[in-house]
Amino acid sequence: MKQTCEQSADWLMIAALDTEDFFRNPDIRQYERMMISAEQAGIADSIRPIIMAYVQEGTFPSSATKESVIPGIPPDAGMTYGRRYAPLDAPLRPLLLEIALIDKDPDVVLEWYVQIPSG
């Protein structure tokens, strides 16, 4: 499905699928992929607070109760997943640190770095 969307440059659908992937497996590669497609779709600024709330507090977006991060995609298309979202022990400090490094925000880097347990 994603390949079809890529061929037609349907960036909103690609962003939706990448966001679904991130919520199922929140790591820096998924984050970067999701934000690139969200930027192409013109929605990066609107999804970033939702993503940060999830990573910092474990707060699911309200549409998650309807089995999709973005309403209508993909459950309404008949696609479902056995495991919707990864269990989360928020905050995900290492991921937050990596996001802050990508954002080149030294204050936030320091904030999350000092909170990561050593060892």
PDB file of N, CA and C in Angstrom:
ATOM      1  N   MET A   1       0.823  -1.192   0.000  1.00  0.00           N
ATOM      2  CA  MET A   1       0.000   0.000   0.000  1.00  0.00           C
ATOM      3  C   MET A   1       0.872   1.262   0.000  1.00  0.00           C
ATOM      4  N   LYS A   2       1.909   1.242   0.844  1.00  0.00           N
ATOM      5  CA  LYS A   2       2.759   2.423   0.920  1.00  0.00           C
ATOM      6  C   LYS A   2       3.469   2.678  -0.406  1.00  0.00           C
ATOM      7  N   GLN A   3       3.901   1.612  -1.061  1.00  0.00           N
ATOM      8  CA  GLN A   3       4.577   1.762  -2.340  1.00  0.00           C
ATOM      9  C   GLN A   3       3.651   2.414  -3.369  1.00  0.00           C
ATOM     10  N   THR A   4       2.391   2.043  -3.377  1.00  0.00           N
ATOM     11  CA  THR A   4       1.412   2.653  -4.276  1.00  0.00           C
ATOM     12  C   THR A   4       1.266   4.138  -3.969  1.00  0.00           C
ATOM     13  N   CYS A   5       1.217   4.469  -2.688  1.00  0.00           N
ATOM     14  CA  CYS A   5       1.104   5.873  -2.284  1.00  0.00           C
ATOM     15  C   CYS A   5       2.347   6.655  -2.688  1.00  0.00           C
ATOM     16  N   GLU A   6       3.514   6.023  -2.562  1.00  0.00           N
ATOM     17  CA  GLU A   6       4.753   6.693  -2.959  1.00  0.00           C
ATOM     18  C   GLU A   6       4.773   6.962  -4.458  1.00  0.00           C
ATOM     19  N   GLN A   7       4.309   5.998  -5.231  1.00  0.00           N
ATOM     20  CA  GLN A   7       4.276   6.170  -6.686  1.00  0.00           C
ATOM     21  C   GLN A   7       3.353   7.308  -7.101  1.00  0.00           C
ATOM     22  N   SER A   8       2.274   7.511  -6.347  1.00  0.00           N
ATOM     23  CA  SER A   8       1.344   8.592  -6.688  1.00  0.00           C
ATOM     24  C   SER A   8       1.615   9.867  -5.889  1.00  0.00           C
ATOM     25  N   ALA A   9       2.696   9.853  -5.083  1.00  0.00           N
ATOM     26  CA  ALA A   9       3.074  11.007  -4.263  1.00  0.00           C
ATOM     27  C   ALA A   9       1.946  11.454  -3.337  1.00  0.00           C
ATOM     28  N   ASP A  10       1.242  10.491  -2.770  1.00  0.00           N
ATOM     29  CA  ASP A  10       0.167  10.769  -1.812  1.00  0.00           C
ATOM     30  C   ASP A  10       0.803  10.916  -0.423  1.00  0.00           C
ATOM     31  N   TRP A  11       1.367  12.091  -0.172  1.00  0.00           N
ATOM     32  CA  TRP A  11       2.151  12.311   1.050  1.00  0.00           C
ATOM     33  C   TRP A  11       1.315  12.248   2.320  1.00  0.00           C
ATOM     34  N   LEU A  12       0.065  12.610   2.246  1.00  0.00           N
ATOM     35  CA  LEU A  12      -0.780  12.525   3.438  1.00  0.00           C
ATOM     36  C   LEU A  12      -0.970  11.062   3.853  1.00  0.00           C
ATOM     37  N   MET A  13      -1.221  10.197   2.905  1.00  0.00           N
ATOM     38  CA  MET A  13      -1.372   8.777   3.210  1.00  0.00           C
ATOM     39  C   MET A  13      -0.037   8.175   3.667  1.00  0.00           C
ATOM     40  N   ILE A  14       1.047   8.568   3.031  1.00  0.00           N
ATOM     41  CA  ILE A  14       2.366   8.084   3.445  1.00  0.00           C
ATOM     42  C   ILE A  14       2.646   8.514   4.875  1.00  0.00           C
ATOM     43  N   ALA A  15       2.341   9.768   5.190  1.00  0.00           N
ATOM     44  CA  ALA A  15       2.539  10.267   6.562  1.00  0.00           C
ATOM     45  C   ALA A  15       1.679   9.480   7.548  1.00  0.00           C
ATOM     46  N   ALA A  16       0.456   9.170   7.164  1.00  0.00           N
ATOM     47  CA  ALA A  16      -0.432   8.394   8.036  1.00  0.00           C
ATOM     48  C   ALA A  16       0.149   7.016   8.303  1.00  0.00           C
ATOM     49  N   LEU A  17       0.627   6.357   7.261  1.00  0.00           N
ATOM     50  CA  LEU A  17       1.206   5.027   7.418  1.00  0.00           C
ATOM     51  C   LEU A  17       2.497   5.078   8.236  1.00  0.00           C
ATOM     52  N   ASP A  18       3.333   6.091   7.988  1.00  0.00           N
ATOM     53  CA  ASP A  18       4.566   6.237   8.775  1.00  0.00           C
ATOM     54  C   ASP A  18       4.259   6.532  10.239  1.00  0.00           C
ATOM     55  N   THR A  19       3.209   7.300  10.492  1.00  0.00           N
ATOM     56  CA  THR A  19       2.810   7.601  11.863  1.00  0.00           C
ATOM     57  C   THR A  19       2.314   6.344  12.558  1.00  0.00           C
ATOM     58  N   GLU A  20       1.528   5.542  11.857  1.00  0.00           N
ATOM     59  CA  GLU A  20       1.097   4.253  12.403  1.00  0.00           C
ATOM     60  C   GLU A  20       2.322   3.415  12.778  1.00  0.00           C
ATOM     61  N   ASP A  21       3.301   3.368  11.880  1.00  0.00           N
ATOM     62  CA  ASP A  21       4.523   2.599  12.154  1.00  0.00           C
ATOM     63  C   ASP A  21       5.242   3.120  13.389  1.00  0.00           C
ATOM     64  N   PHE A  22       5.322   4.441  13.524  1.00  0.00           N
ATOM     65  CA  PHE A  22       5.997   5.026  14.686  1.00  0.00           C
ATOM     66  C   PHE A  22       5.285   4.643  15.981  1.00  0.00           C
ATOM     67  N   PHE A  23       3.968   4.713  16.001  1.00  0.00           N
ATOM     68  CA  PHE A  23       3.238   4.378  17.219  1.00  0.00           C
ATOM     69  C   PHE A  23       3.367   2.900  17.567  1.00  0.00           C
ATOM     70  N   ARG A  24       3.581   2.063  16.570  1.00  0.00           N
ATOM     71  CA  ARG A  24       3.793   0.644  16.853  1.00  0.00           C
ATOM     72  C   ARG A  24       5.225   0.354  17.277  1.00  0.00           C
ATOM     73  N   ASN A  25       6.172   1.161  16.813  1.00  0.00           N
ATOM     74  CA  ASN A  25       7.584   0.934  17.102  1.00  0.00           C
ATOM     75  C   ASN A  25       8.299   2.280  17.216  1.00  0.00           C
ATOM     76  N   PRO A  26       8.151   2.950  18.359  1.00  0.00           N
ATOM     77  CA  PRO A  26       8.724   4.296  18.492  1.00  0.00           C
ATOM     78  C   PRO A  26      10.246   4.274  18.639  1.00  0.00           C
ATOM     79  N   ASP A  27      10.928   4.517  17.542  1.00  0.00           N
ATOM     80  CA  ASP A  27      12.374   4.664  17.571  1.00  0.00           C
ATOM     81  C   ASP A  27      12.775   5.815  16.651  1.00  0.00           C
ATOM     82  N   ILE A  28      14.045   6.153  16.676  1.00  0.00           N
ATOM     83  CA  ILE A  28      14.489   7.350  15.956  1.00  0.00           C
ATOM     84  C   ILE A  28      14.357   7.193  14.446  1.00  0.00           C
ATOM     85  N   ARG A  29      14.565   5.990  13.910  1.00  0.00           N
ATOM     86  CA  ARG A  29      14.415   5.809  12.456  1.00  0.00           C
ATOM     87  C   ARG A  29      12.966   6.020  12.030  1.00  0.00           C
ATOM     88  N   GLN A  30      12.040   5.456  12.807  1.00  0.00           N
ATOM     89  CA  GLN A  30      10.619   5.648  12.493  1.00  0.00           C
ATOM     90  C   GLN A  30      10.239   7.119  12.644  1.00  0.00           C
ATOM     91  N   TYR A  31      10.777   7.759  13.676  1.00  0.00           N
ATOM     92  CA  TYR A  31      10.490   9.181  13.904  1.00  0.00           C
ATOM     93  C   TYR A  31      10.939  10.016  12.706  1.00  0.00           C
ATOM     94  N   GLU A  32      12.170   9.792  12.266  1.00  0.00           N
ATOM     95  CA  GLU A  32      12.696  10.576  11.142  1.00  0.00           C
ATOM     96  C   GLU A  32      11.884  10.330   9.868  1.00  0.00           C
ATOM     97  N   ARG A  33      11.566   9.071   9.606  1.00  0.00           N
ATOM     98  CA  ARG A  33      10.765   8.736   8.421  1.00  0.00           C
ATOM     99  C   ARG A  33       9.400   9.428   8.487  1.00  0.00           C
ATOM    100  N   MET A  34       8.785   9.350   9.671  1.00  0.00           N
ATOM    101  CA  MET A  34       7.463   9.944   9.856  1.00  0.00           C
ATOM    102  C   MET A  34       7.521  11.466   9.658  1.00  0.00           C
ATOM    103  N   MET A  35       8.514  12.118  10.229  1.00  0.00           N
ATOM    104  CA  MET A  35       8.587  13.568  10.129  1.00  0.00           C
ATOM    105  C   MET A  35       8.903  14.032   8.708  1.00  0.00           C
ATOM    106  N   ILE A  36       9.684  13.255   7.961  1.00  0.00           N
ATOM    107  CA  ILE A  36       9.963  13.603   6.560  1.00  0.00           C
ATOM    108  C   ILE A  36       8.671  13.548   5.743  1.00  0.00           C
ATOM    109  N   SER A  37       7.911  12.465   5.903  1.00  0.00           N
ATOM    110  CA  SER A  37       6.671  12.366   5.136  1.00  0.00           C
ATOM    111  C   SER A  37       5.634  13.380   5.616  1.00  0.00           C
ATOM    112  N   ALA A  38       5.616  13.652   6.931  1.00  0.00           N
ATOM    113  CA  ALA A  38       4.693  14.662   7.461  1.00  0.00           C
ATOM    114  C   ALA A  38       5.048  16.051   6.920  1.00  0.00           C
ATOM    115  N   GLU A  39       6.335  16.319   6.793  1.00  0.00           N
ATOM    116  CA  GLU A  39       6.776  17.599   6.216  1.00  0.00           C
ATOM    117  C   GLU A  39       6.309  17.708   4.761  1.00  0.00           C
ATOM    118  N   GLN A  40       6.482  16.620   4.011  1.00  0.00           N
ATOM    119  CA  GLN A  40       6.044  16.611   2.610  1.00  0.00           C
ATOM    120  C   GLN A  40       4.531  16.815   2.495  1.00  0.00           C
ATOM    121  N   ALA A  41       3.795  16.271   3.481  1.00  0.00           N
ATOM    122  CA  ALA A  41       2.335  16.402   3.471  1.00  0.00           C
ATOM    123  C   ALA A  41       1.866  17.738   4.042  1.00  0.00           C
ATOM    124  N   GLY A  42       2.793  18.499   4.618  1.00  0.00           N
ATOM    125  CA  GLY A  42       2.427  19.792   5.195  1.00  0.00           C
ATOM    126  C   GLY A  42       1.767  19.697   6.563  1.00  0.00           C
ATOM    127  N   ILE A  43       1.993  18.585   7.287  1.00  0.00           N
ATOM    128  CA  ILE A  43       1.340  18.403   8.590  1.00  0.00           C
ATOM    129  C   ILE A  43       2.330  18.232   9.742  1.00  0.00           C
ATOM    130  N   ALA A  44       3.620  18.416   9.494  1.00  0.00           N
ATOM    131  CA  ALA A  44       4.630  18.179  10.530  1.00  0.00           C
ATOM    132  C   ALA A  44       4.372  19.008  11.783  1.00  0.00           C
ATOM    133  N   ASP A  45       4.053  20.284  11.611  1.00  0.00           N
ATOM    134  CA  ASP A  45       3.826  21.142  12.778  1.00  0.00           C
ATOM    135  C   ASP A  45       2.595  20.726  13.580  1.00  0.00           C
ATOM    136  N   SER A  46       1.610  20.148  12.914  1.00  0.00           N
ATOM    137  CA  SER A  46       0.397  19.764  13.634  1.00  0.00           C
ATOM    138  C   SER A  46       0.525  18.406  14.324  1.00  0.00           C
ATOM    139  N   ILE A  47       1.370  17.503  13.795  1.00  0.00           N
ATOM    140  CA  ILE A  47       1.491  16.207  14.476  1.00  0.00           C
ATOM    141  C   ILE A  47       2.586  16.177  15.528  1.00  0.00           C
ATOM    142  N   ARG A  48       3.544  17.087  15.432  1.00  0.00           N
ATOM    143  CA  ARG A  48       4.665  17.065  16.384  1.00  0.00           C
ATOM    144  C   ARG A  48       4.199  17.129  17.843  1.00  0.00           C
ATOM    145  N   PRO A  49       3.281  18.000  18.243  1.00  0.00           N
ATOM    146  CA  PRO A  49       2.839  18.014  19.650  1.00  0.00           C
ATOM    147  C   PRO A  49       2.198  16.686  20.081  1.00  0.00           C
ATOM    148  N   ILE A  50       1.507  16.038  19.166  1.00  0.00           N
ATOM    149  CA  ILE A  50       0.878  14.754  19.472  1.00  0.00           C
ATOM    150  C   ILE A  50       1.956  13.693  19.690  1.00  0.00           C
ATOM    151  N   ILE A  51       2.951  13.703  18.824  1.00  0.00           N
ATOM    152  CA  ILE A  51       4.053  12.748  18.935  1.00  0.00           C
ATOM    153  C   ILE A  51       4.819  12.981  20.229  1.00  0.00           C
ATOM    154  N   MET A  52       5.105  14.239  20.544  1.00  0.00           N
ATOM    155  CA  MET A  52       5.871  14.541  21.757  1.00  0.00           C
ATOM    156  C   MET A  52       5.078  14.165  23.011  1.00  0.00           C
ATOM    157  N   ALA A  53       3.770  14.365  23.016  1.00  0.00           N
ATOM    158  CA  ALA A  53       2.946  13.962  24.164  1.00  0.00           C
ATOM    159  C   ALA A  53       3.005  12.452  24.345  1.00  0.00           C
ATOM    160  N   TYR A  54       3.010  11.724  23.245  1.00  0.00           N
ATOM    161  CA  TYR A  54       3.097  10.267  23.311  1.00  0.00           C
ATOM    162  C   TYR A  54       4.445   9.826  23.885  1.00  0.00           C
ATOM    163  N   VAL A  55       5.528  10.403  23.387  1.00  0.00           N
ATOM    164  CA  VAL A  55       6.868   9.989  23.812  1.00  0.00           C
ATOM    165  C   VAL A  55       7.179  10.465  25.234  1.00  0.00           C
ATOM    166  N   GLN A  56       6.704  11.654  25.595  1.00  0.00           N
ATOM    167  CA  GLN A  56       6.991  12.202  26.927  1.00  0.00           C
ATOM    168  C   GLN A  56       6.066  11.656  28.010  1.00  0.00           C
ATOM    169  N   GLU A  57       4.790  11.490  27.682  1.00  0.00           N
ATOM    170  CA  GLU A  57       3.800  11.160  28.716  1.00  0.00           C
ATOM    171  C   GLU A  57       3.077   9.839  28.469  1.00  0.00           C
ATOM    172  N   GLY A  58       3.253   9.261  27.284  1.00  0.00           N
ATOM    173  CA  GLY A  58       2.528   8.038  26.957  1.00  0.00           C
ATOM    174  C   GLY A  58       1.094   8.298  26.552  1.00  0.00           C
ATOM    175  N   THR A  59       0.767   9.551  26.236  1.00  0.00           N
ATOM    176  CA  THR A  59      -0.591   9.941  25.859  1.00  0.00           C
ATOM    177  C   THR A  59      -0.862   9.552  24.412  1.00  0.00           C
ATOM    178  N   PHE A  60      -1.866   8.701  24.210  1.00  0.00           N
ATOM    179  CA  PHE A  60      -2.256   8.329  22.855  1.00  0.00           C
ATOM    180  C   PHE A  60      -3.139   9.418  22.271  1.00  0.00           C
ATOM    181  N   PRO A  61      -3.042   9.633  20.953  1.00  0.00           N
ATOM    182  CA  PRO A  61      -3.962  10.585  20.325  1.00  0.00           C
ATOM    183  C   PRO A  61      -5.385  10.075  20.448  1.00  0.00           C
ATOM    184  N   SER A  62      -6.333  10.979  20.471  1.00  0.00           N
ATOM    185  CA  SER A  62      -7.732  10.579  20.657  1.00  0.00           C
ATOM    186  C   SER A  62      -8.210   9.640  19.560  1.00  0.00           C
ATOM    187  N   SER A  63      -7.649   9.739  18.369  1.00  0.00           N
ATOM    188  CA  SER A  63      -8.081   8.858  17.287  1.00  0.00           C
ATOM    189  C   SER A  63      -7.585   7.431  17.476  1.00  0.00           C
ATOM    190  N   ALA A  64      -6.669   7.209  18.419  1.00  0.00           N
ATOM    191  CA  ALA A  64      -6.154   5.855  18.656  1.00  0.00           C
ATOM    192  C   ALA A  64      -7.253   4.925  19.142  1.00  0.00           C
ATOM    193  N   THR A  65      -8.268   5.477  19.782  1.00  0.00           N
ATOM    194  CA  THR A  65      -9.374   4.641  20.235  1.00  0.00           C
ATOM    195  C   THR A  65     -10.201   4.135  19.057  1.00  0.00           C
ATOM    196  N   LYS A  66     -10.046   4.776  17.914  1.00  0.00           N
ATOM    197  CA  LYS A  66     -10.756   4.349  16.702  1.00  0.00           C
ATOM    198  C   LYS A  66      -9.851   3.467  15.846  1.00  0.00           C
ATOM    199  N   GLU A  67      -8.751   3.015  16.427  1.00  0.00           N
ATOM    200  CA  GLU A  67      -7.782   2.122  15.793  1.00  0.00           C
ATOM    201  C   GLU A  67      -7.007   2.764  14.657  1.00  0.00           C
ATOM    202  N   SER A  68      -6.832   4.051  14.678  1.00  0.00           N
ATOM    203  CA  SER A  68      -5.975   4.708  13.706  1.00  0.00           C
ATOM    204  C   SER A  68      -5.465   6.005  14.292  1.00  0.00           C
ATOM    205  N   VAL A  69      -4.217   6.310  14.016  1.00  0.00           N
ATOM    206  CA  VAL A  69      -3.661   7.584  14.457  1.00  0.00           C
ATOM    207  C   VAL A  69      -4.330   8.722  13.708  1.00  0.00           C
ATOM    208  N   ILE A  70      -4.534   8.522  12.430  1.00  0.00           N
ATOM    209  CA  ILE A  70      -5.216   9.512  11.606  1.00  0.00           C
ATOM    210  C   ILE A  70      -6.551   8.888  11.193  1.00  0.00           C
ATOM    211  N   PRO A  71      -7.675   9.487  11.609  1.00  0.00           N
ATOM    212  CA  PRO A  71      -8.979   8.864  11.355  1.00  0.00           C
ATOM    213  C   PRO A  71      -9.179   8.502   9.891  1.00  0.00           C
ATOM    214  N   GLY A  72      -9.722   7.296   9.681  1.00  0.00           N
ATOM    215  CA  GLY A  72     -10.013   6.848   8.331  1.00  0.00           C
ATOM    216  C   GLY A  72      -8.892   6.081   7.669  1.00  0.00           C
ATOM    217  N   ILE A  73      -7.734   6.025   8.315  1.00  0.00           N
ATOM    218  CA  ILE A  73      -6.582   5.381   7.693  1.00  0.00           C
ATOM    219  C   ILE A  73      -5.924   4.469   8.714  1.00  0.00           C
ATOM    220  N   PRO A  74      -5.641   3.270   8.464  1.00  0.00           N
ATOM    221  CA  PRO A  74      -6.126   2.380   7.445  1.00  0.00           C
ATOM    222  C   PRO A  74      -7.301   1.509   7.866  1.00  0.00           C
ATOM    223  N   PRO A  75      -7.789   1.520   9.136  1.00  0.00           N
ATOM    224  CA  PRO A  75      -8.876   0.603   9.477  1.00  0.00           C
ATOM    225  C   PRO A  75     -10.107   0.712   8.594  1.00  0.00           C
ATOM    226  N   ASP A  76     -10.503   1.914   8.178  1.00  0.00           N
ATOM    227  CA  ASP A  76     -11.675   2.056   7.324  1.00  0.00           C
ATOM    228  C   ASP A  76     -11.455   1.411   5.958  1.00  0.00           C
ATOM    229  N   ALA A  77     -10.192   1.171   5.624  1.00  0.00           N
ATOM    230  CA  ALA A  77      -9.864   0.505   4.366  1.00  0.00           C
ATOM    231  C   ALA A  77      -9.856  -1.012   4.544  1.00  0.00           C
ATOM    232  N   GLY A  78     -10.189  -1.485   5.759  1.00  0.00           N
ATOM    233  CA  GLY A  78     -10.256  -2.911   6.014  1.00  0.00           C
ATOM    234  C   GLY A  78      -8.956  -3.508   6.519  1.00  0.00           C
ATOM    235  N   MET A  79      -7.952  -2.689   6.751  1.00  0.00           N
ATOM    236  CA  MET A  79      -6.668  -3.185   7.247  1.00  0.00           C
ATOM    237  C   MET A  79      -6.651  -3.077   8.770  1.00  0.00           C
ATOM    238  N   THR A  80      -6.219  -4.135   9.416  1.00  0.00           N
ATOM    239  CA  THR A  80      -6.066  -4.092  10.866  1.00  0.00           C
ATOM    240  C   THR A  80      -4.740  -4.739  11.235  1.00  0.00           C
ATOM    241  N   TYR A  81      -4.287  -4.462  12.415  1.00  0.00           N
ATOM    242  CA  TYR A  81      -3.034  -5.016  12.910  1.00  0.00           C
ATOM    243  C   TYR A  81      -3.315  -5.748  14.206  1.00  0.00           C
ATOM    244  N   GLY A  82      -2.573  -6.830  14.443  1.00  0.00           N
ATOM    245  CA  GLY A  82      -2.749  -7.574  15.677  1.00  0.00           C
ATOM    246  C   GLY A  82      -2.320  -6.776  16.896  1.00  0.00           C
ATOM    247  N   ARG A  83      -1.220  -6.071  16.787  1.00  0.00           N
ATOM    248  CA  ARG A  83      -0.705  -5.273  17.896  1.00  0.00           C
ATOM    249  C   ARG A  83      -0.728  -3.816  17.464  1.00  0.00           C
ATOM    250  N   ARG A  84      -1.655  -3.053  18.009  1.00  0.00           N
ATOM    251  CA  ARG A  84      -1.829  -1.669  17.562  1.00  0.00           C
ATOM    252  C   ARG A  84      -0.619  -0.805  17.896  1.00  0.00           C
ATOM    253  N   TYR A  85      -0.288  -0.693  19.176  1.00  0.00           N
ATOM    254  CA  TYR A  85       0.770   0.216  19.578  1.00  0.00           C
ATOM    255  C   TYR A  85       1.680  -0.454  20.582  1.00  0.00           C
ATOM    256  N   ALA A  86       2.931  -0.032  20.569  1.00  0.00           N
ATOM    257  CA  ALA A  86       3.914  -0.594  21.489  1.00  0.00           C
ATOM    258  C   ALA A  86       3.587  -0.156  22.910  1.00  0.00           C
ATOM    259  N   PRO A  87       3.745  -1.082  23.871  1.00  0.00           N
ATOM    260  CA  PRO A  87       3.607  -0.654  25.265  1.00  0.00           C
ATOM    261  C   PRO A  87       4.675   0.410  25.538  1.00  0.00           C
ATOM    262  N   LEU A  88       4.317   1.387  26.300  1.00  0.00           N
ATOM    263  CA  LEU A  88       5.214   2.527  26.470  1.00  0.00           C
ATOM    264  C   LEU A  88       5.444   2.807  27.938  1.00  0.00           C
ATOM    265  N   ASP A  89       6.698   2.905  28.314  1.00  0.00           N
ATOM    266  CA  ASP A  89       7.071   3.298  29.665  1.00  0.00           C
ATOM    267  C   ASP A  89       7.613   4.722  29.560  1.00  0.00           C
ATOM    268  N   ALA A  90       6.676   5.668  29.505  1.00  0.00           N
ATOM    269  CA  ALA A  90       7.038   7.076  29.265  1.00  0.00           C
ATOM    270  C   ALA A  90       7.673   7.678  30.511  1.00  0.00           C
ATOM    271  N   PRO A  91       8.541   8.639  30.316  1.00  0.00           N
ATOM    272  CA  PRO A  91       9.013   9.153  29.030  1.00  0.00           C
ATOM    273  C   PRO A  91      10.088   8.251  28.428  1.00  0.00           C
ATOM    274  N   LEU A  92      10.168   8.265  27.117  1.00  0.00           N
ATOM    275  CA  LEU A  92      11.209   7.525  26.411  1.00  0.00           C
ATOM    276  C   LEU A  92      12.439   8.430  26.306  1.00  0.00           C
ATOM    277  N   ARG A  93      13.172   8.514  27.392  1.00  0.00           N
ATOM    278  CA  ARG A  93      14.287   9.472  27.487  1.00  0.00           C
ATOM    279  C   ARG A  93      15.320   9.325  26.375  1.00  0.00           C
ATOM    280  N   PRO A  94      15.793   8.113  26.064  1.00  0.00           N
ATOM    281  CA  PRO A  94      16.781   8.021  24.977  1.00  0.00           C
ATOM    282  C   PRO A  94      16.246   8.545  23.641  1.00  0.00           C
ATOM    283  N   LEU A  95      14.986   8.246  23.329  1.00  0.00           N
ATOM    284  CA  LEU A  95      14.394   8.746  22.090  1.00  0.00           C
ATOM    285  C   LEU A  95      14.242  10.260  22.146  1.00  0.00           C
ATOM    286  N   LEU A  96      13.818  10.780  23.275  1.00  0.00           N
ATOM    287  CA  LEU A  96      13.694  12.232  23.425  1.00  0.00           C
ATOM    288  C   LEU A  96      15.047  12.921  23.271  1.00  0.00           C
ATOM    289  N   LEU A  97      16.092  12.295  23.780  1.00  0.00           N
ATOM    290  CA  LEU A  97      17.440  12.838  23.611  1.00  0.00           C
ATOM    291  C   LEU A  97      17.821  12.849  22.130  1.00  0.00           C
ATOM    292  N   GLU A  98      17.551  11.755  21.422  1.00  0.00           N
ATOM    293  CA  GLU A  98      17.871  11.697  19.996  1.00  0.00           C
ATOM    294  C   GLU A  98      17.079  12.738  19.200  1.00  0.00           C
ATOM    295  N   ILE A  99      15.816  12.927  19.538  1.00  0.00           N
ATOM    296  CA  ILE A  99      15.001  13.940  18.866  1.00  0.00           C
ATOM    297  C   ILE A  99      15.580  15.334  19.120  1.00  0.00           C
ATOM    298  N   ALA A 100      15.980  15.608  20.349  1.00  0.00           N
ATOM    299  CA  ALA A 100      16.574  16.908  20.681  1.00  0.00           C
ATOM    300  C   ALA A 100      17.883  17.123  19.930  1.00  0.00           C
ATOM    301  N   LEU A 101      18.663  16.060  19.745  1.00  0.00           N
ATOM    302  CA  LEU A 101      19.906  16.176  18.976  1.00  0.00           C
ATOM    303  C   LEU A 101      19.606  16.500  17.516  1.00  0.00           C
ATOM    304  N   ILE A 102      18.603  15.850  16.949  1.00  0.00           N
ATOM    305  CA  ILE A 102      18.199  16.142  15.568  1.00  0.00           C
ATOM    306  C   ILE A 102      17.738  17.593  15.452  1.00  0.00           C
ATOM    307  N   ASP A 103      16.997  18.055  16.463  1.00  0.00           N
ATOM    308  CA  ASP A 103      16.480  19.423  16.464  1.00  0.00           C
ATOM    309  C   ASP A 103      17.554  20.463  16.783  1.00  0.00           C
ATOM    310  N   LYS A 104      18.750  19.976  17.153  1.00  0.00           N
ATOM    311  CA  LYS A 104      19.870  20.863  17.516  1.00  0.00           C
ATOM    312  C   LYS A 104      19.466  21.836  18.628  1.00  0.00           C
ATOM    313  N   ASP A 105      18.840  21.282  19.669  1.00  0.00           N
ATOM    314  CA  ASP A 105      18.374  22.073  20.807  1.00  0.00           C
ATOM    315  C   ASP A 105      19.192  21.680  22.042  1.00  0.00           C
ATOM    316  N   PRO A 106      20.303  22.388  22.316  1.00  0.00           N
ATOM    317  CA  PRO A 106      21.208  21.983  23.397  1.00  0.00           C
ATOM    318  C   PRO A 106      20.560  21.972  24.778  1.00  0.00           C
ATOM    319  N   ASP A 107      19.632  22.867  25.039  1.00  0.00           N
ATOM    320  CA  ASP A 107      18.985  22.882  26.355  1.00  0.00           C
ATOM    321  C   ASP A 107      18.154  21.620  26.572  1.00  0.00           C
ATOM    322  N   VAL A 108      17.434  21.211  25.557  1.00  0.00           N
ATOM    323  CA  VAL A 108      16.613  20.001  25.664  1.00  0.00           C
ATOM    324  C   VAL A 108      17.506  18.757  25.677  1.00  0.00           C
ATOM    325  N   VAL A 109      18.603  18.789  24.909  1.00  0.00           N
ATOM    326  CA  VAL A 109      19.555  17.676  24.941  1.00  0.00           C
ATOM    327  C   VAL A 109      20.047  17.470  26.371  1.00  0.00           C
ATOM    328  N   LEU A 110      20.464  18.536  27.008  1.00  0.00           N
ATOM    329  CA  LEU A 110      20.966  18.443  28.385  1.00  0.00           C
ATOM    330  C   LEU A 110      19.867  17.978  29.332  1.00  0.00           C
ATOM    331  N   GLU A 111      18.675  18.509  29.168  1.00  0.00           N
ATOM    332  CA  GLU A 111      17.550  18.132  30.032  1.00  0.00           C
ATOM    333  C   GLU A 111      17.303  16.623  30.001  1.00  0.00           C
ATOM    334  N   TRP A 112      17.269  16.035  28.798  1.00  0.00           N
ATOM    335  CA  TRP A 112      16.998  14.590  28.711  1.00  0.00           C
ATOM    336  C   TRP A 112      18.230  13.755  29.015  1.00  0.00           C
ATOM    337  N   TYR A 113      19.422  14.277  28.709  1.00  0.00           N
ATOM    338  CA  TYR A 113      20.643  13.527  28.981  1.00  0.00           C
ATOM    339  C   TYR A 113      20.818  13.273  30.466  1.00  0.00           C
ATOM    340  N   VAL A 114      20.607  14.294  31.280  1.00  0.00           N
ATOM    341  CA  VAL A 114      20.804  14.122  32.733  1.00  0.00           C
ATOM    342  C   VAL A 114      19.753  13.202  33.341  1.00  0.00           C
ATOM    343  N   GLN A 115      18.659  12.965  32.655  1.00  0.00           N
ATOM    344  CA  GLN A 115      17.611  12.088  33.190  1.00  0.00           C
ATOM    345  C   GLN A 115      17.770  10.627  32.792  1.00  0.00           C
ATOM    346  N   ILE A 116      18.713  10.340  31.871  1.00  0.00           N
ATOM    347  CA  ILE A 116      18.921   8.959  31.458  1.00  0.00           C
ATOM    348  C   ILE A 116      19.771   8.245  32.503  1.00  0.00           C
ATOM    349  N   PRO A 117      19.237   7.141  33.061  1.00  0.00           N
ATOM    350  CA  PRO A 117      20.002   6.411  34.073  1.00  0.00           C
ATOM    351  C   PRO A 117      21.299   5.866  33.465  1.00  0.00           C
ATOM    352  N   SER A 118      22.371   5.928  34.217  1.00  0.00           N
ATOM    353  CA  SER A 118      23.653   5.402  33.724  1.00  0.00           C
ATOM    354  C   SER A 118      23.705   3.912  34.001  1.00  0.00           C
ATOM    355  N   GLY A 119      24.540   3.242  33.217  1.00  0.00           N
ATOM    356  CA  GLY A 119      24.744   1.819  33.459  1.00  0.00           C
ATOM    357  C   GLY A 119      24.261   1.046  32.360  1.00  0.00           C
TER     358      GLY A 119
END
